[in-house]
Every structure is written in structure tokens, then in C-alpha cells.
């Protein structure tokens, strides 16, 4: 069983690896759009399509933010 994944409104489910890639790409897109760090964090963490182990997902997201030097 995977710890977290993404389920679209259309019912498409991404596995954990694809979900990690989705989060990375979304953060990258939002940074390119010039969105604030707070906006990016709120956008990702409030996405109801991300389901599963929220603690593990937040740790992964924090790692992404550190890579982008957002936090």
C-alpha cells in the first residue's frame, strides 16, 4: 500500500511516485508564475485530491520547499 497519492476529480489515481512528481511540477509551475511562498504552501497543502498519510506527505513537501529554498 502506498502512503499517499493523488485522485483527480475525474477519478484518475496517481501512484505515490507520480504524486511526488506532480507536487514537484506544481511547485515549479507556481514559482515560475511568481506566486508567493505562502501561496504555494497553502495551495499544495489544501489540495483535497492529495490523500493518504498526511504526515509523510508534509515531510516530502517540506523537502521540496527546502530544495527551492522557500523555507
PDB file of N, CA and C in Angstrom:
ATOM      1  N   UNK A   1       0.835  -1.187   0.000  1.00  0.00           N
ATOM      2  CA  UNK A   1       0.000   0.000   0.000  1.00  0.00           C
ATOM      3  C   UNK A   1       0.875   1.243   0.000  1.00  0.00           C
ATOM      4  N   UNK A   2       0.465   2.237  -0.735  1.00  0.00           N
ATOM      5  CA  UNK A   2       1.228   3.468  -0.826  1.00  0.00           C
ATOM      6  C   UNK A   2       0.823   4.411   0.299  1.00  0.00           C
ATOM      7  N   UNK A   3       1.756   5.274   0.695  1.00  0.00           N
ATOM      8  CA  UNK A   3       1.499   6.174   1.810  1.00  0.00           C
ATOM      9  C   UNK A   3       0.623   7.361   1.431  1.00  0.00           C
ATOM     10  N   UNK A   4       0.770   7.851   0.213  1.00  0.00           N
ATOM     11  CA  UNK A   4      -0.102   8.927  -0.238  1.00  0.00           C
ATOM     12  C   UNK A   4      -0.189   8.904  -1.749  1.00  0.00           C
ATOM     13  N   UNK A   5      -1.287   9.464  -2.259  1.00  0.00           N
ATOM     14  CA  UNK A   5      -1.465   9.518  -3.702  1.00  0.00           C
ATOM     15  C   UNK A   5      -2.385  10.668  -4.072  1.00  0.00           C
ATOM     16  N   UNK A   6      -2.628  10.802  -5.338  1.00  0.00           N
ATOM     17  CA  UNK A   6      -3.445  11.883  -5.879  1.00  0.00           C
ATOM     18  C   UNK A   6      -4.606  11.261  -6.637  1.00  0.00           C
ATOM     19  N   UNK A   7      -5.812  11.724  -6.327  1.00  0.00           N
ATOM     20  CA  UNK A   7      -7.001  11.254  -7.035  1.00  0.00           C
ATOM     21  C   UNK A   7      -7.683  12.478  -7.638  1.00  0.00           C
ATOM     22  N   UNK A   8      -7.733  12.532  -8.965  1.00  0.00           N
ATOM     23  CA  UNK A   8      -8.323  13.687  -9.647  1.00  0.00           C
ATOM     24  C   UNK A   8      -9.840  13.675  -9.518  1.00  0.00           C
ATOM     25  N   UNK A   9     -10.452  14.804  -9.851  1.00  0.00           N
ATOM     26  CA  UNK A   9     -11.910  14.903  -9.838  1.00  0.00           C
ATOM     27  C   UNK A   9     -12.541  13.896 -10.790  1.00  0.00           C
ATOM     28  N   UNK A  10     -11.796  13.527 -11.826  1.00  0.00           N
ATOM     29  CA  UNK A  10     -12.292  12.566 -12.810  1.00  0.00           C
ATOM     30  C   UNK A  10     -12.101  11.121 -12.355  1.00  0.00           C
ATOM     31  N   UNK A  11     -11.485  10.928 -11.193  1.00  0.00           N
ATOM     32  CA  UNK A  11     -11.282   9.589 -10.663  1.00  0.00           C
ATOM     33  C   UNK A  11      -9.962   8.948 -11.044  1.00  0.00           C
ATOM     34  N   UNK A  12      -9.098   9.700 -11.709  1.00  0.00           N
ATOM     35  CA  UNK A  12      -7.782   9.174 -12.075  1.00  0.00           C
ATOM     36  C   UNK A  12      -6.901   9.181 -10.828  1.00  0.00           C
ATOM     37  N   UNK A  13      -6.290   8.040 -10.533  1.00  0.00           N
ATOM     38  CA  UNK A  13      -5.461   7.922  -9.345  1.00  0.00           C
ATOM     39  C   UNK A  13      -3.999   7.768  -9.747  1.00  0.00           C
ATOM     40  N   UNK A  14      -3.155   8.621  -9.177  1.00  0.00           N
ATOM     41  CA  UNK A  14      -1.715   8.533  -9.399  1.00  0.00           C
ATOM     42  C   UNK A  14      -1.086   7.746  -8.260  1.00  0.00           C
ATOM     43  N   UNK A  15      -0.066   6.954  -8.574  1.00  0.00           N
ATOM     44  CA  UNK A  15       0.644   6.257  -7.506  1.00  0.00           C
ATOM     45  C   UNK A  15       1.543   7.254  -6.774  1.00  0.00           C
ATOM     46  N   UNK A  16       2.210   6.780  -5.742  1.00  0.00           N
ATOM     47  CA  UNK A  16       2.998   7.678  -4.900  1.00  0.00           C
ATOM     48  C   UNK A  16       4.113   8.386  -5.673  1.00  0.00           C
ATOM     49  N   UNK A  17       4.807   7.678  -6.532  1.00  0.00           N
ATOM     50  CA  UNK A  17       5.896   8.285  -7.306  1.00  0.00           C
ATOM     51  C   UNK A  17       5.350   9.378  -8.229  1.00  0.00           C
ATOM     52  N   UNK A  18       4.264   9.083  -8.923  1.00  0.00           N
ATOM     53  CA  UNK A  18       3.658  10.088  -9.799  1.00  0.00           C
ATOM     54  C   UNK A  18       3.120  11.264  -8.992  1.00  0.00           C
ATOM     55  N   UNK A  19       2.620  10.997  -7.790  1.00  0.00           N
ATOM     56  CA  UNK A  19       2.139  12.074  -6.921  1.00  0.00           C
ATOM     57  C   UNK A  19       3.294  12.973  -6.503  1.00  0.00           C
ATOM     58  N   UNK A  20       4.429  12.370  -6.172  1.00  0.00           N
ATOM     59  CA  UNK A  20       5.613  13.162  -5.827  1.00  0.00           C
ATOM     60  C   UNK A  20       6.029  14.032  -7.006  1.00  0.00           C
ATOM     61  N   UNK A  21       6.010  13.463  -8.195  1.00  0.00           N
ATOM     62  CA  UNK A  21       6.350  14.239  -9.393  1.00  0.00           C
ATOM     63  C   UNK A  21       5.340  15.351  -9.632  1.00  0.00           C
ATOM     64  N   UNK A  22       4.056  15.065  -9.403  1.00  0.00           N
ATOM     65  CA  UNK A  22       3.013  16.088  -9.547  1.00  0.00           C
ATOM     66  C   UNK A  22       3.298  17.265  -8.610  1.00  0.00           C
ATOM     67  N   UNK A  23       3.622  16.967  -7.351  1.00  0.00           N
ATOM     68  CA  UNK A  23       3.893  18.030  -6.377  1.00  0.00           C
ATOM     69  C   UNK A  23       5.103  18.846  -6.812  1.00  0.00           C
ATOM     70  N   UNK A  24       6.168  18.179  -7.232  1.00  0.00           N
ATOM     71  CA  UNK A  24       7.364  18.892  -7.701  1.00  0.00           C
ATOM     72  C   UNK A  24       7.039  19.814  -8.872  1.00  0.00           C
ATOM     73  N   UNK A  25       6.308  19.290  -9.848  1.00  0.00           N
ATOM     74  CA  UNK A  25       5.958  20.092 -11.026  1.00  0.00           C
ATOM     75  C   UNK A  25       5.048  21.248 -10.660  1.00  0.00           C
ATOM     76  N   UNK A  26       4.110  21.023  -9.747  1.00  0.00           N
ATOM     77  CA  UNK A  26       3.184  22.083  -9.346  1.00  0.00           C
ATOM     78  C   UNK A  26       3.932  23.196  -8.635  1.00  0.00           C
ATOM     79  N   UNK A  27       4.841  22.846  -7.733  1.00  0.00           N
ATOM     80  CA  UNK A  27       5.637  23.859  -7.039  1.00  0.00           C
ATOM     81  C   UNK A  27       6.468  24.642  -8.051  1.00  0.00           C
ATOM     82  N   UNK A  28       7.078  23.946  -8.991  1.00  0.00           N
ATOM     83  CA  UNK A  28       7.881  24.598 -10.026  1.00  0.00           C
ATOM     84  C   UNK A  28       7.029  25.560 -10.854  1.00  0.00           C
ATOM     85  N   UNK A  29       5.848  25.124 -11.268  1.00  0.00           N
ATOM     86  CA  UNK A  29       4.947  25.991 -12.043  1.00  0.00           C
ATOM     87  C   UNK A  29       4.549  27.229 -11.254  1.00  0.00           C
ATOM     88  N   UNK A  30       4.206  27.044  -9.996  1.00  0.00           N
ATOM     89  CA  UNK A  30       3.780  28.171  -9.169  1.00  0.00           C
ATOM     90  C   UNK A  30       4.924  29.153  -8.939  1.00  0.00           C
ATOM     91  N   UNK A  31       6.150  28.642  -8.781  1.00  0.00           N
ATOM     92  CA  UNK A  31       7.309  29.537  -8.630  1.00  0.00           C
ATOM     93  C   UNK A  31       7.528  30.331  -9.911  1.00  0.00           C
ATOM     94  N   UNK A  32       7.403  29.670 -11.068  1.00  0.00           N
ATOM     95  CA  UNK A  32       7.576  30.356 -12.349  1.00  0.00           C
ATOM     96  C   UNK A  32       6.516  31.425 -12.559  1.00  0.00           C
ATOM     97  N   UNK A  33       5.317  31.203 -12.010  1.00  0.00           N
ATOM     98  CA  UNK A  33       4.240  32.189 -12.106  1.00  0.00           C
ATOM     99  C   UNK A  33       4.466  33.362 -11.158  1.00  0.00           C
ATOM    100  N   UNK A  34       5.452  33.235 -10.285  1.00  0.00           N
ATOM    101  CA  UNK A  34       5.763  34.306  -9.344  1.00  0.00           C
ATOM    102  C   UNK A  34       4.906  34.292  -8.088  1.00  0.00           C
ATOM    103  N   UNK A  35       4.298  33.156  -7.800  1.00  0.00           N
ATOM    104  CA  UNK A  35       3.449  33.057  -6.610  1.00  0.00           C
ATOM    105  C   UNK A  35       4.305  33.131  -5.345  1.00  0.00           C
ATOM    106  N   UNK A  36       3.715  33.665  -4.295  1.00  0.00           N
ATOM    107  CA  UNK A  36       4.427  33.793  -3.024  1.00  0.00           C
ATOM    108  C   UNK A  36       4.615  32.420  -2.380  1.00  0.00           C
ATOM    109  N   UNK A  37       5.586  32.355  -1.499  1.00  0.00           N
ATOM    110  CA  UNK A  37       5.861  31.112  -0.784  1.00  0.00           C
ATOM    111  C   UNK A  37       4.642  30.655   0.010  1.00  0.00           C
ATOM    112  N   UNK A  38       3.968  31.609   0.641  1.00  0.00           N
ATOM    113  CA  UNK A  38       2.785  31.287   1.429  1.00  0.00           C
ATOM    114  C   UNK A  38       1.678  30.730   0.542  1.00  0.00           C
ATOM    115  N   UNK A  39       1.520  31.319  -0.632  1.00  0.00           N
ATOM    116  CA  UNK A  39       0.502  30.843  -1.569  1.00  0.00           C
ATOM    117  C   UNK A  39       0.792  29.405  -1.988  1.00  0.00           C
ATOM    118  N   UNK A  40       2.046  29.116  -2.312  1.00  0.00           N
ATOM    119  CA  UNK A  40       2.429  27.771  -2.747  1.00  0.00           C
ATOM    120  C   UNK A  40       2.149  26.755  -1.649  1.00  0.00           C
ATOM    121  N   UNK A  41       2.549  27.081  -0.437  1.00  0.00           N
ATOM    122  CA  UNK A  41       2.331  26.163   0.678  1.00  0.00           C
ATOM    123  C   UNK A  41       0.838  25.916   0.888  1.00  0.00           C
ATOM    124  N   UNK A  42       0.048  26.972   0.900  1.00  0.00           N
ATOM    125  CA  UNK A  42      -1.398  26.832   1.093  1.00  0.00           C
ATOM    126  C   UNK A  42      -2.031  26.057  -0.059  1.00  0.00           C
ATOM    127  N   UNK A  43      -1.604  26.334  -1.278  1.00  0.00           N
ATOM    128  CA  UNK A  43      -2.162  25.673  -2.458  1.00  0.00           C
ATOM    129  C   UNK A  43      -1.955  24.164  -2.389  1.00  0.00           C
ATOM    130  N   UNK A  44      -0.744  23.747  -2.097  1.00  0.00           N
ATOM    131  CA  UNK A  44      -0.428  22.316  -2.068  1.00  0.00           C
ATOM    132  C   UNK A  44      -1.095  21.627  -0.882  1.00  0.00           C
ATOM    133  N   UNK A  45      -0.975  22.215   0.294  1.00  0.00           N
ATOM    134  CA  UNK A  45      -1.489  21.548   1.488  1.00  0.00           C
ATOM    135  C   UNK A  45      -3.008  21.532   1.559  1.00  0.00           C
ATOM    136  N   UNK A  46      -3.672  22.399   0.806  1.00  0.00           N
ATOM    137  CA  UNK A  46      -5.139  22.413   0.831  1.00  0.00           C
ATOM    138  C   UNK A  46      -5.753  21.635  -0.329  1.00  0.00           C
ATOM    139  N   UNK A  47      -4.929  20.996  -1.141  1.00  0.00           N
ATOM    140  CA  UNK A  47      -5.425  20.239  -2.290  1.00  0.00           C
ATOM    141  C   UNK A  47      -6.104  18.956  -1.807  1.00  0.00           C
ATOM    142  N   UNK A  48      -7.428  18.912  -1.920  1.00  0.00           N
ATOM    143  CA  UNK A  48      -8.194  17.755  -1.448  1.00  0.00           C
ATOM    144  C   UNK A  48      -7.949  16.493  -2.267  1.00  0.00           C
ATOM    145  N   UNK A  49      -7.318  16.623  -3.419  1.00  0.00           N
ATOM    146  CA  UNK A  49      -7.027  15.456  -4.256  1.00  0.00           C
ATOM    147  C   UNK A  49      -5.848  14.648  -3.726  1.00  0.00           C
ATOM    148  N   UNK A  50      -5.052  15.251  -2.847  1.00  0.00           N
ATOM    149  CA  UNK A  50      -3.930  14.548  -2.233  1.00  0.00           C
ATOM    150  C   UNK A  50      -4.463  13.805  -1.015  1.00  0.00           C
ATOM    151  N   UNK A  51      -4.335  12.488  -1.029  1.00  0.00           N
ATOM    152  CA  UNK A  51      -4.892  11.670   0.047  1.00  0.00           C
ATOM    153  C   UNK A  51      -3.845  10.694   0.573  1.00  0.00           C
ATOM    154  N   UNK A  52      -4.044  10.254   1.806  1.00  0.00           N
ATOM    155  CA  UNK A  52      -3.148   9.262   2.382  1.00  0.00           C
ATOM    156  C   UNK A  52      -2.486   9.766   3.641  1.00  0.00           C
ATOM    157  N   UNK A  53      -1.278   9.294   3.883  1.00  0.00           N
ATOM    158  CA  UNK A  53      -0.511   9.620   5.082  1.00  0.00           C
ATOM    159  C   UNK A  53      -0.083  11.086   5.024  1.00  0.00           C
ATOM    160  N   UNK A  54      -0.854  11.949   5.675  1.00  0.00           N
ATOM    161  CA  UNK A  54      -0.586  13.385   5.584  1.00  0.00           C
ATOM    162  C   UNK A  54       0.751  13.761   6.212  1.00  0.00           C
ATOM    163  N   UNK A  55       1.158  13.077   7.259  1.00  0.00           N
ATOM    164  CA  UNK A  55       2.440  13.382   7.899  1.00  0.00           C
ATOM    165  C   UNK A  55       3.599  13.136   6.927  1.00  0.00           C
ATOM    166  N   UNK A  56       3.559  12.017   6.245  1.00  0.00           N
ATOM    167  CA  UNK A  56       4.617  11.694   5.276  1.00  0.00           C
ATOM    168  C   UNK A  56       4.571  12.651   4.087  1.00  0.00           C
ATOM    169  N   UNK A  57       3.366  13.009   3.667  1.00  0.00           N
ATOM    170  CA  UNK A  57       3.214  13.927   2.548  1.00  0.00           C
ATOM    171  C   UNK A  57       3.783  15.306   2.907  1.00  0.00           C
ATOM    172  N   UNK A  58       3.513  15.770   4.114  1.00  0.00           N
ATOM    173  CA  UNK A  58       4.019  17.070   4.551  1.00  0.00           C
ATOM    174  C   UNK A  58       5.539  17.043   4.631  1.00  0.00           C
ATOM    175  N   UNK A  59       6.119  15.947   5.121  1.00  0.00           N
ATOM    176  CA  UNK A  59       7.584  15.836   5.165  1.00  0.00           C
ATOM    177  C   UNK A  59       8.171  15.909   3.761  1.00  0.00           C
ATOM    178  N   UNK A  60       7.540  15.230   2.814  1.00  0.00           N
ATOM    179  CA  UNK A  60       8.003  15.285   1.430  1.00  0.00           C
ATOM    180  C   UNK A  60       7.873  16.706   0.891  1.00  0.00           C
ATOM    181  N   UNK A  61       6.747  17.347   1.139  1.00  0.00           N
ATOM    182  CA  UNK A  61       6.524  18.714   0.667  1.00  0.00           C
ATOM    183  C   UNK A  61       7.550  19.669   1.274  1.00  0.00           C
ATOM    184  N   UNK A  62       7.850  19.527   2.558  1.00  0.00           N
ATOM    185  CA  UNK A  62       8.857  20.372   3.200  1.00  0.00           C
ATOM    186  C   UNK A  62      10.223  20.182   2.547  1.00  0.00           C
ATOM    187  N   UNK A  63      10.532  18.957   2.153  1.00  0.00           N
ATOM    188  CA  UNK A  63      11.794  18.692   1.453  1.00  0.00           C
ATOM    189  C   UNK A  63      11.826  19.451   0.125  1.00  0.00           C
ATOM    190  N   UNK A  64      10.702  19.441  -0.589  1.00  0.00           N
ATOM    191  CA  UNK A  64      10.611  20.180  -1.854  1.00  0.00           C
ATOM    192  C   UNK A  64      10.824  21.667  -1.599  1.00  0.00           C
ATOM    193  N   UNK A  65      10.185  22.192  -0.566  1.00  0.00           N
ATOM    194  CA  UNK A  65      10.322  23.612  -0.254  1.00  0.00           C
ATOM    195  C   UNK A  65      11.764  23.965   0.069  1.00  0.00           C
ATOM    196  N   UNK A  66      12.459  23.078   0.769  1.00  0.00           N
ATOM    197  CA  UNK A  66      13.867  23.319   1.083  1.00  0.00           C
ATOM    198  C   UNK A  66      14.712  23.330  -0.183  1.00  0.00           C
ATOM    199  N   UNK A  67      14.386  22.444  -1.125  1.00  0.00           N
ATOM    200  CA  UNK A  67      15.109  22.419  -2.396  1.00  0.00           C
ATOM    201  C   UNK A  67      14.946  23.741  -3.143  1.00  0.00           C
ATOM    202  N   UNK A  68      13.773  24.331  -3.036  1.00  0.00           N
ATOM    203  CA  UNK A  68      13.509  25.613  -3.689  1.00  0.00           C
ATOM    204  C   UNK A  68      13.871  26.785  -2.789  1.00  0.00           C
ATOM    205  N   UNK A  69      14.380  26.467  -1.592  1.00  0.00           N
ATOM    206  CA  UNK A  69      14.764  27.471  -0.606  1.00  0.00           C
ATOM    207  C   UNK A  69      13.591  28.375  -0.247  1.00  0.00           C
ATOM    208  N   UNK A  70      12.407  27.762  -0.166  1.00  0.00           N
ATOM    209  CA  UNK A  70      11.219  28.508   0.221  1.00  0.00           C
ATOM    210  C   UNK A  70      11.132  28.600   1.737  1.00  0.00           C
ATOM    211  N   UNK A  71      11.571  27.525   2.439  1.00  0.00           N
ATOM    212  CA  UNK A  71      11.533  27.583   3.900  1.00  0.00           C
ATOM    213  C   UNK A  71      12.943  27.509   4.429  1.00  0.00           C
TER     214      UNK A  71
END
